Amino acid sequence: MIIRALHSSDWAQLKKTLDIAYTSETGGMVLEEDGEILAASVFDGWTYNSVNMHMMIKNPRAMLETNFHRAVFDYIFTTTNRKTMLGFIAESNVRSLRLAKRFGSVEKTRIKDGFSDGVDLVITELHRNDCPY
């Protein structure tokens, strides 16, 4: 298993599970084995102090064994020197909300129908000083 930078060629695999657009400001990291992406962290919405993170995990055990999550947070908070990581998660995506909380993110607000009709958009944040990794 290897951790490497996200490439535009990865998008064919990722667009099946991540409902976001790939743009010129999109970056990220993937955990890969034999050409299959086991986990990915995609970054967009960069500001001077924050970045939006989207995460896809097919194999949680591989993510933990390789410390992929630690590499992701090190990249956000050390390499790119951001102070805050934001998450935009559909309230119906209970697994993602639980994972964000496990990673130390806290819910900041909900936008009614912000994801789709009848589904609120939950905005989470994690500050560098509160990151457990």
C-alpha atoms as a PDB file:
ATOM      1  CA  MET A   1       0.000   0.000   0.000  1.00  0.00           C
ATOM      2  CA  ILE A   2       1.241   3.454  -0.827  1.00  0.00           C
ATOM      3  CA  ILE A   3       0.134   6.968   0.062  1.00  0.00           C
ATOM      4  CA  ARG A   4       0.529   9.392  -2.810  1.00  0.00           C
ATOM      5  CA  ALA A   5      -0.771  12.655  -4.223  1.00  0.00           C
ATOM      6  CA  LEU A   6      -4.137  12.715  -5.954  1.00  0.00           C
ATOM      7  CA  HIS A   7      -3.934  12.819  -9.764  1.00  0.00           C
ATOM      8  CA  SER A   8      -6.669  13.833 -12.216  1.00  0.00           C
ATOM      9  CA  SER A   9      -6.521  10.276 -13.567  1.00  0.00           C
ATOM     10  CA  ASP A  10      -7.817   9.035 -10.167  1.00  0.00           C
ATOM     11  CA  TRP A  11     -11.097  10.816 -10.742  1.00  0.00           C
ATOM     12  CA  ALA A  12     -12.641   7.914 -12.676  1.00  0.00           C
ATOM     13  CA  GLN A  13     -12.550   5.818  -9.474  1.00  0.00           C
ATOM     14  CA  LEU A  14     -13.403   8.630  -7.075  1.00  0.00           C
ATOM     15  CA  LYS A  15     -16.359  10.243  -8.821  1.00  0.00           C
ATOM     16  CA  LYS A  16     -18.414   7.119  -8.085  1.00  0.00           C
ATOM     17  CA  THR A  17     -18.283   7.833  -4.346  1.00  0.00           C
ATOM     18  CA  LEU A  18     -17.430  11.544  -4.058  1.00  0.00           C
ATOM     19  CA  ASP A  19     -20.119  13.826  -5.404  1.00  0.00           C
ATOM     20  CA  ILE A  20     -17.868  16.842  -6.026  1.00  0.00           C
ATOM     21  CA  ALA A  21     -16.372  18.456  -9.085  1.00  0.00           C
ATOM     22  CA  TYR A  22     -12.700  18.140  -9.967  1.00  0.00           C
ATOM     23  CA  THR A  23     -11.344  21.639 -10.640  1.00  0.00           C
ATOM     24  CA  SER A  24      -7.962  23.307 -10.984  1.00  0.00           C
ATOM     25  CA  GLU A  25      -7.887  23.938  -7.212  1.00  0.00           C
ATOM     26  CA  THR A  26      -8.649  20.328  -6.266  1.00  0.00           C
ATOM     27  CA  GLY A  27      -5.845  18.448  -4.562  1.00  0.00           C
ATOM     28  CA  GLY A  28      -5.494  15.564  -2.214  1.00  0.00           C
ATOM     29  CA  MET A  29      -4.010  12.241  -1.244  1.00  0.00           C
ATOM     30  CA  VAL A  30      -4.890   8.631  -1.936  1.00  0.00           C
ATOM     31  CA  LEU A  31      -4.095   5.323  -0.303  1.00  0.00           C
ATOM     32  CA  GLU A  32      -3.637   2.810  -3.088  1.00  0.00           C
ATOM     33  CA  GLU A  33      -2.894  -0.866  -3.496  1.00  0.00           C
ATOM     34  CA  ASP A  34      -2.454  -2.527  -6.882  1.00  0.00           C
ATOM     35  CA  GLY A  35      -4.118   0.392  -8.658  1.00  0.00           C
ATOM     36  CA  GLU A  36      -7.196   0.362  -6.412  1.00  0.00           C
ATOM     37  CA  ILE A  37      -7.893   3.411  -4.263  1.00  0.00           C
ATOM     38  CA  LEU A  38      -8.642   2.243  -0.713  1.00  0.00           C
ATOM     39  CA  ALA A  39      -9.023   5.728   0.779  1.00  0.00           C
ATOM     40  CA  ALA A  40      -8.864   9.275  -0.517  1.00  0.00           C
ATOM     41  CA  SER A  41      -8.852  12.722   0.947  1.00  0.00           C
ATOM     42  CA  VAL A  42      -9.738  15.492  -1.486  1.00  0.00           C
ATOM     43  CA  PHE A  43      -9.170  19.173  -0.751  1.00  0.00           C
ATOM     44  CA  ASP A  44     -10.844  22.195  -2.332  1.00  0.00           C
ATOM     45  CA  GLY A  45     -12.217  25.579  -1.338  1.00  0.00           C
ATOM     46  CA  TRP A  46      -8.794  26.817  -0.224  1.00  0.00           C
ATOM     47  CA  THR A  47      -8.559  30.093   1.697  1.00  0.00           C
ATOM     48  CA  TYR A  48      -5.566  31.576   3.490  1.00  0.00           C
ATOM     49  CA  ASN A  49      -6.459  29.754   6.708  1.00  0.00           C
ATOM     50  CA  SER A  50      -8.783  26.889   5.791  1.00  0.00           C
ATOM     51  CA  VAL A  51      -9.545  24.116   3.354  1.00  0.00           C
ATOM     52  CA  ASN A  52     -12.578  21.922   2.687  1.00  0.00           C
ATOM     53  CA  MET A  53     -11.887  18.205   2.994  1.00  0.00           C
ATOM     54  CA  HIS A  54     -13.857  15.355   1.452  1.00  0.00           C
ATOM     55  CA  MET A  55     -12.982  11.797   2.411  1.00  0.00           C
ATOM     56  CA  MET A  56     -13.718   8.414   0.866  1.00  0.00           C
ATOM     57  CA  ILE A  57     -12.786   5.226   2.661  1.00  0.00           C
ATOM     58  CA  LYS A  58     -13.286   1.764   1.154  1.00  0.00           C
ATOM     59  CA  ASN A  59     -11.008  -0.006   3.619  1.00  0.00           C
ATOM     60  CA  PRO A  60     -10.955   1.508   7.146  1.00  0.00           C
ATOM     61  CA  ARG A  61      -8.463  -1.061   8.420  1.00  0.00           C
ATOM     62  CA  ALA A  62      -5.947  -0.166   5.694  1.00  0.00           C
ATOM     63  CA  MET A  63      -6.444   3.526   6.464  1.00  0.00           C
ATOM     64  CA  LEU A  64      -5.624   2.972  10.143  1.00  0.00           C
ATOM     65  CA  GLU A  65      -2.764   0.508   9.551  1.00  0.00           C
ATOM     66  CA  THR A  66      -0.990   2.897   7.195  1.00  0.00           C
ATOM     67  CA  ASN A  67      -1.788   6.006   9.278  1.00  0.00           C
ATOM     68  CA  PHE A  68      -3.322   7.578   6.176  1.00  0.00           C
ATOM     69  CA  HIS A  69      -5.469   9.832   8.362  1.00  0.00           C
ATOM     70  CA  ARG A  70      -2.367  11.148  10.158  1.00  0.00           C
ATOM     71  CA  ALA A  71      -0.720  11.913   6.824  1.00  0.00           C
ATOM     72  CA  VAL A  72      -3.844  13.806   5.742  1.00  0.00           C
ATOM     73  CA  PHE A  73      -3.943  15.997   8.837  1.00  0.00           C
ATOM     74  CA  ASP A  74      -0.183  16.562   8.714  1.00  0.00           C
ATOM     75  CA  TYR A  75      -0.570  17.760   5.139  1.00  0.00           C
ATOM     76  CA  ILE A  76      -3.430  20.125   6.023  1.00  0.00           C
ATOM     77  CA  PHE A  77      -2.018  21.571   9.215  1.00  0.00           C
ATOM     78  CA  THR A  78       1.757  21.359   8.649  1.00  0.00           C
ATOM     79  CA  THR A  79       2.579  21.186   4.943  1.00  0.00           C
ATOM     80  CA  THR A  80      -0.040  23.700   3.789  1.00  0.00           C
ATOM     81  CA  ASN A  81      -0.082  25.522   7.151  1.00  0.00           C
ATOM     82  CA  ARG A  82      -3.871  25.824   7.345  1.00  0.00           C
ATOM     83  CA  LYS A  83      -5.473  26.565  10.703  1.00  0.00           C
ATOM     84  CA  THR A  84      -8.898  25.070  10.029  1.00  0.00           C
ATOM     85  CA  MET A  85     -10.288  22.106   8.132  1.00  0.00           C
ATOM     86  CA  LEU A  86     -13.935  22.279   7.085  1.00  0.00           C
ATOM     87  CA  GLY A  87     -16.309  19.482   6.175  1.00  0.00           C
ATOM     88  CA  PHE A  88     -19.561  19.726   4.219  1.00  0.00           C
ATOM     89  CA  ILE A  89     -21.594  16.590   4.894  1.00  0.00           C
ATOM     90  CA  ALA A  90     -25.165  15.579   4.066  1.00  0.00           C
ATOM     91  CA  GLU A  91     -27.086  14.968   7.299  1.00  0.00           C
ATOM     92  CA  SER A  92     -28.186  11.635   5.825  1.00  0.00           C
ATOM     93  CA  ASN A  93     -24.559  10.461   5.635  1.00  0.00           C
ATOM     94  CA  VAL A  94     -24.429   9.223   9.212  1.00  0.00           C
ATOM     95  CA  ARG A  95     -21.181   7.278   8.720  1.00  0.00           C
ATOM     96  CA  SER A  96     -19.339  10.381   7.481  1.00  0.00           C
ATOM     97  CA  LEU A  97     -20.685  12.493  10.339  1.00  0.00           C
ATOM     98  CA  ARG A  98     -19.519   9.853  12.814  1.00  0.00           C
ATOM     99  CA  LEU A  99     -16.078   9.706  11.182  1.00  0.00           C
ATOM    100  CA  ALA A 100     -15.723  13.498  11.218  1.00  0.00           C
ATOM    101  CA  LYS A 101     -16.514  13.493  14.939  1.00  0.00           C
ATOM    102  CA  ARG A 102     -14.022  10.687  15.537  1.00  0.00           C
ATOM    103  CA  PHE A 103     -11.365  12.776  13.782  1.00  0.00           C
ATOM    104  CA  GLY A 104     -12.130  15.647  16.166  1.00  0.00           C
ATOM    105  CA  SER A 105     -14.394  17.799  13.987  1.00  0.00           C
ATOM    106  CA  VAL A 106     -17.345  19.556  15.591  1.00  0.00           C
ATOM    107  CA  GLU A 107     -20.604  20.568  13.991  1.00  0.00           C
ATOM    108  CA  LYS A 108     -20.746  24.322  13.453  1.00  0.00           C
ATOM    109  CA  THR A 109     -24.092  24.715  11.693  1.00  0.00           C
ATOM    110  CA  ARG A 110     -26.705  23.134   9.473  1.00  0.00           C
ATOM    111  CA  ILE A 111     -28.137  24.637   6.336  1.00  0.00           C
ATOM    112  CA  LYS A 112     -31.738  23.593   5.820  1.00  0.00           C
ATOM    113  CA  ASP A 113     -32.119  21.722   2.515  1.00  0.00           C
ATOM    114  CA  GLY A 114     -28.497  22.690   1.778  1.00  0.00           C
ATOM    115  CA  PHE A 115     -27.575  19.300   0.374  1.00  0.00           C
ATOM    116  CA  SER A 116     -30.818  18.446  -1.388  1.00  0.00           C
ATOM    117  CA  ASP A 117     -34.554  18.837  -0.819  1.00  0.00           C
ATOM    118  CA  GLY A 118     -35.249  17.606   2.702  1.00  0.00           C
ATOM    119  CA  VAL A 119     -31.562  16.943   3.456  1.00  0.00           C
ATOM    120  CA  ASP A 120     -29.633  19.498   5.483  1.00  0.00           C
ATOM    121  CA  LEU A 121     -25.984  20.303   4.859  1.00  0.00           C
ATOM    122  CA  VAL A 122     -23.910  19.903   8.027  1.00  0.00           C
ATOM    123  CA  ILE A 123     -20.813  22.072   8.231  1.00  0.00           C
ATOM    124  CA  THR A 124     -18.071  20.790  10.519  1.00  0.00           C
ATOM    125  CA  GLU A 125     -14.752  22.282  11.519  1.00  0.00           C
ATOM    126  CA  LEU A 126     -11.516  21.106  13.026  1.00  0.00           C
ATOM    127  CA  HIS A 127      -8.900  23.571  14.228  1.00  0.00           C
ATOM    128  CA  ARG A 128      -5.205  22.699  14.170  1.00  0.00           C
ATOM    129  CA  ASN A 129      -4.948  22.970  17.967  1.00  0.00           C
ATOM    130  CA  ASP A 130      -7.855  20.531  18.413  1.00  0.00           C
ATOM    131  CA  CYS A 131      -6.594  17.894  15.991  1.00  0.00           C
ATOM    132  CA  PRO A 132      -5.884  14.668  17.895  1.00  0.00           C
ATOM    133  CA  TYR A 133      -3.317  13.605  15.294  1.00  0.00           C
END
